[in-house]
């Protein structure tokens, strides 16, 4: 196969072809970037981390410090789309936070009141949820599907 990496038109065509093939196979939004002549693919549906102080406190499971410092923050969208996999969040005061598109695989959410949180698009695969209050907009079947299969939560 000839080397076409130097041909800008050929590389552009490859980008379009890979984009179409990838979108058919994986419906998540896919971004393609050119970096130092190489074709890179970035999937924006992957869990993300954040350097925000509140996220760092939760990620290090410093729940008491999180509960104290949350009062000083008025932006409740700072936890949107983040990775909470495997964390013990029991006792966290998450009232009003936007947790949409978050990953909560094997996260301990027992006893939390999430009724005022936005959980749309979040995944709860194998999370511990005993005693957890969920928003009324989420049906029990929707929560079970997410727990058992990792599907993203959809509001009714």
Protein backbone atom coordinates (compact mmCIF):
# COMPACT_ATOMS: atom_id res chain seq x y z
CA UNK A 1 0.00 0.00 0.00
CA UNK A 2 1.47 3.36 -0.96
CA UNK A 3 2.32 5.96 1.70
CA UNK A 4 -0.28 8.72 1.44
CA UNK A 5 0.52 10.52 4.70
CA UNK A 6 2.06 13.46 2.83
CA UNK A 7 -0.97 14.02 0.61
CA UNK A 8 -3.28 16.49 2.38
CA UNK A 9 -6.28 15.61 0.18
CA UNK A 10 -5.82 11.87 0.84
CA UNK A 11 -5.49 12.40 4.58
CA UNK A 12 -8.63 14.58 4.54
CA UNK A 13 -10.52 11.86 2.69
CA UNK A 14 -9.34 9.26 5.22
CA UNK A 15 -10.59 11.47 8.04
CA UNK A 16 -14.03 11.71 6.46
CA UNK A 17 -14.17 7.95 5.77
CA UNK A 18 -13.12 7.03 9.32
CA UNK A 19 -15.61 9.54 10.69
CA UNK A 20 -18.48 7.97 8.73
CA UNK A 21 -17.48 4.41 9.61
CA UNK A 22 -16.96 5.23 13.27
CA UNK A 23 -20.28 7.11 13.53
CA UNK A 24 -22.11 4.11 12.08
CA UNK A 25 -20.48 1.69 14.50
CA UNK A 26 -20.34 4.01 17.55
CA UNK A 27 -23.00 6.73 17.64
CA UNK A 28 -21.20 8.91 20.21
CA UNK A 29 -19.84 12.21 18.96
CA UNK A 30 -16.37 11.71 17.56
CA UNK A 31 -13.81 14.36 16.91
CA UNK A 32 -10.86 13.91 14.59
CA UNK A 33 -7.72 15.91 14.96
CA UNK A 34 -4.51 16.14 13.02
CA UNK A 35 -1.49 16.21 15.28
CA UNK A 36 2.04 16.10 13.91
CA UNK A 37 0.86 14.37 10.76
CA UNK A 38 -0.88 11.53 12.62
CA UNK A 39 -4.57 10.78 12.62
CA UNK A 40 -5.97 10.96 16.14
CA UNK A 41 -9.44 10.06 17.27
CA UNK A 42 -11.03 11.44 20.43
CA UNK A 43 -14.32 10.13 21.78
CA UNK A 44 -16.05 12.73 23.94
CA UNK A 45 -18.28 10.16 25.66
CA UNK A 46 -15.42 8.93 27.84
CA UNK A 47 -15.39 9.78 31.56
CA UNK A 48 -13.56 12.98 32.38
CA UNK A 49 -11.68 14.23 35.39
CA UNK A 50 -11.55 17.83 36.55
CA UNK A 51 -9.14 20.02 38.47
CA UNK A 52 -12.04 21.82 40.16
CA UNK A 53 -11.54 21.82 43.97
CA UNK A 54 -14.97 20.33 44.69
CA UNK A 55 -14.40 17.44 42.28
CA UNK A 56 -10.94 16.83 43.72
CA UNK A 57 -12.43 16.60 47.23
CA UNK A 58 -15.03 14.07 46.08
CA UNK A 59 -12.47 12.13 44.06
CA UNK A 60 -10.23 11.82 47.13
CA UNK A 61 -13.34 10.89 49.17
CA UNK A 62 -12.94 13.85 51.55
CA UNK A 63 -16.69 14.13 52.01
CA UNK A 64 -16.73 16.35 55.11
CA UNK A 65 -14.45 18.90 53.42
CA UNK A 66 -16.61 18.77 50.29
CA UNK A 67 -19.77 19.44 52.32
CA UNK A 68 -18.10 22.41 54.01
CA UNK A 69 -16.67 23.96 50.85
CA UNK A 70 -19.69 23.43 48.62
CA UNK A 71 -21.45 26.32 50.34
CA UNK A 72 -18.84 28.75 48.99
CA UNK A 73 -19.56 27.71 45.39
CA UNK A 74 -22.62 28.83 43.48
CA UNK A 75 -21.89 27.02 40.20
CA UNK A 76 -23.60 23.65 40.51
CA UNK A 77 -22.60 22.55 37.00
CA UNK A 78 -18.95 21.87 37.92
CA UNK A 79 -19.61 18.13 38.37
CA UNK A 80 -21.31 17.61 35.01
CA UNK A 81 -20.00 14.72 32.88
CA UNK A 82 -17.31 13.63 35.32
CA UNK A 83 -15.89 10.29 36.40
CA UNK A 84 -17.03 9.05 39.82
CA UNK A 85 -16.32 5.36 39.22
CA UNK A 86 -15.63 3.30 42.33
CA UNK A 87 -15.87 6.19 44.80
CA UNK A 88 -17.56 6.12 48.19
CA UNK A 89 -19.79 9.21 48.14
CA UNK A 90 -21.89 8.34 51.18
CA UNK A 91 -22.69 11.46 53.16
CA UNK A 92 -21.95 13.88 50.31
CA UNK A 93 -24.37 16.81 50.16
CA UNK A 94 -25.07 16.90 46.41
CA UNK A 95 -28.36 18.82 46.54
CA UNK A 96 -28.85 20.85 43.37
CA UNK A 97 -25.73 19.66 41.55
CA UNK A 98 -25.78 18.89 37.83
CA UNK A 99 -24.49 15.31 37.66
CA UNK A 100 -25.70 14.73 34.11
CA UNK A 101 -23.55 12.50 31.90
CA UNK A 102 -21.60 11.34 34.97
CA UNK A 103 -20.11 7.87 35.33
CA UNK A 104 -21.02 6.21 38.63
CA UNK A 105 -19.91 2.63 37.94
CA UNK A 106 -19.49 0.77 41.25
CA UNK A 107 -19.91 4.04 43.15
CA UNK A 108 -21.35 3.91 46.65
CA UNK A 109 -24.34 6.26 46.60
CA UNK A 110 -26.14 4.71 49.57
CA UNK A 111 -28.31 7.09 51.53
CA UNK A 112 -27.86 10.10 49.23
CA UNK A 113 -30.69 12.47 48.38
CA UNK A 114 -30.37 13.08 44.63
CA UNK A 115 -33.93 14.32 44.11
CA UNK A 116 -32.81 17.84 43.14
CA UNK A 117 -29.82 16.69 41.06
CA UNK A 118 -29.82 16.47 37.28
CA UNK A 119 -28.92 12.86 36.49
CA UNK A 120 -29.93 12.79 32.83
CA UNK A 121 -27.38 10.81 30.83
CA UNK A 122 -25.61 9.45 33.92
CA UNK A 123 -24.64 5.77 34.10
CA UNK A 124 -25.07 3.78 37.34
CA UNK A 125 -23.63 0.37 36.37
CA UNK A 126 -23.20 -1.75 39.52
CA UNK A 127 -23.55 1.27 41.85
CA UNK A 128 -24.71 0.79 45.42
CA UNK A 129 -27.99 2.67 45.77
CA UNK A 130 -29.72 1.32 48.87
CA UNK A 131 -31.64 4.16 50.53
CA UNK A 132 -30.85 6.62 47.71
CA UNK A 133 -33.55 9.09 46.68
CA UNK A 134 -33.75 9.68 42.92
CA UNK A 135 -35.57 12.43 41.01
CA UNK A 136 -39.26 11.71 40.39
CA UNK A 137 -38.61 12.08 36.65
CA UNK A 138 -36.65 8.80 36.67
CA UNK A 139 -38.71 5.64 36.55
CA UNK A 140 -37.63 2.60 38.59
CA UNK A 141 -37.22 0.65 35.34
CA UNK A 142 -34.86 3.31 33.99
CA UNK A 143 -32.74 3.14 37.16
CA UNK A 144 -32.64 -0.68 37.02
CA UNK A 145 -31.57 -0.66 33.36
CA UNK A 146 -28.72 1.68 34.22
CA UNK A 147 -27.71 -0.40 37.26
CA UNK A 148 -27.74 -3.69 35.38
CA UNK A 149 -26.55 -2.67 31.93
CA UNK A 150 -24.91 0.73 32.32
CA UNK A 151 -27.43 2.51 30.11
CA UNK A 152 -27.64 6.27 30.45
CA UNK A 153 -30.52 7.59 32.50
CA UNK A 154 -33.38 9.25 30.59
CA UNK A 155 -36.02 11.42 32.15
CA UNK A 156 -39.67 10.76 31.31
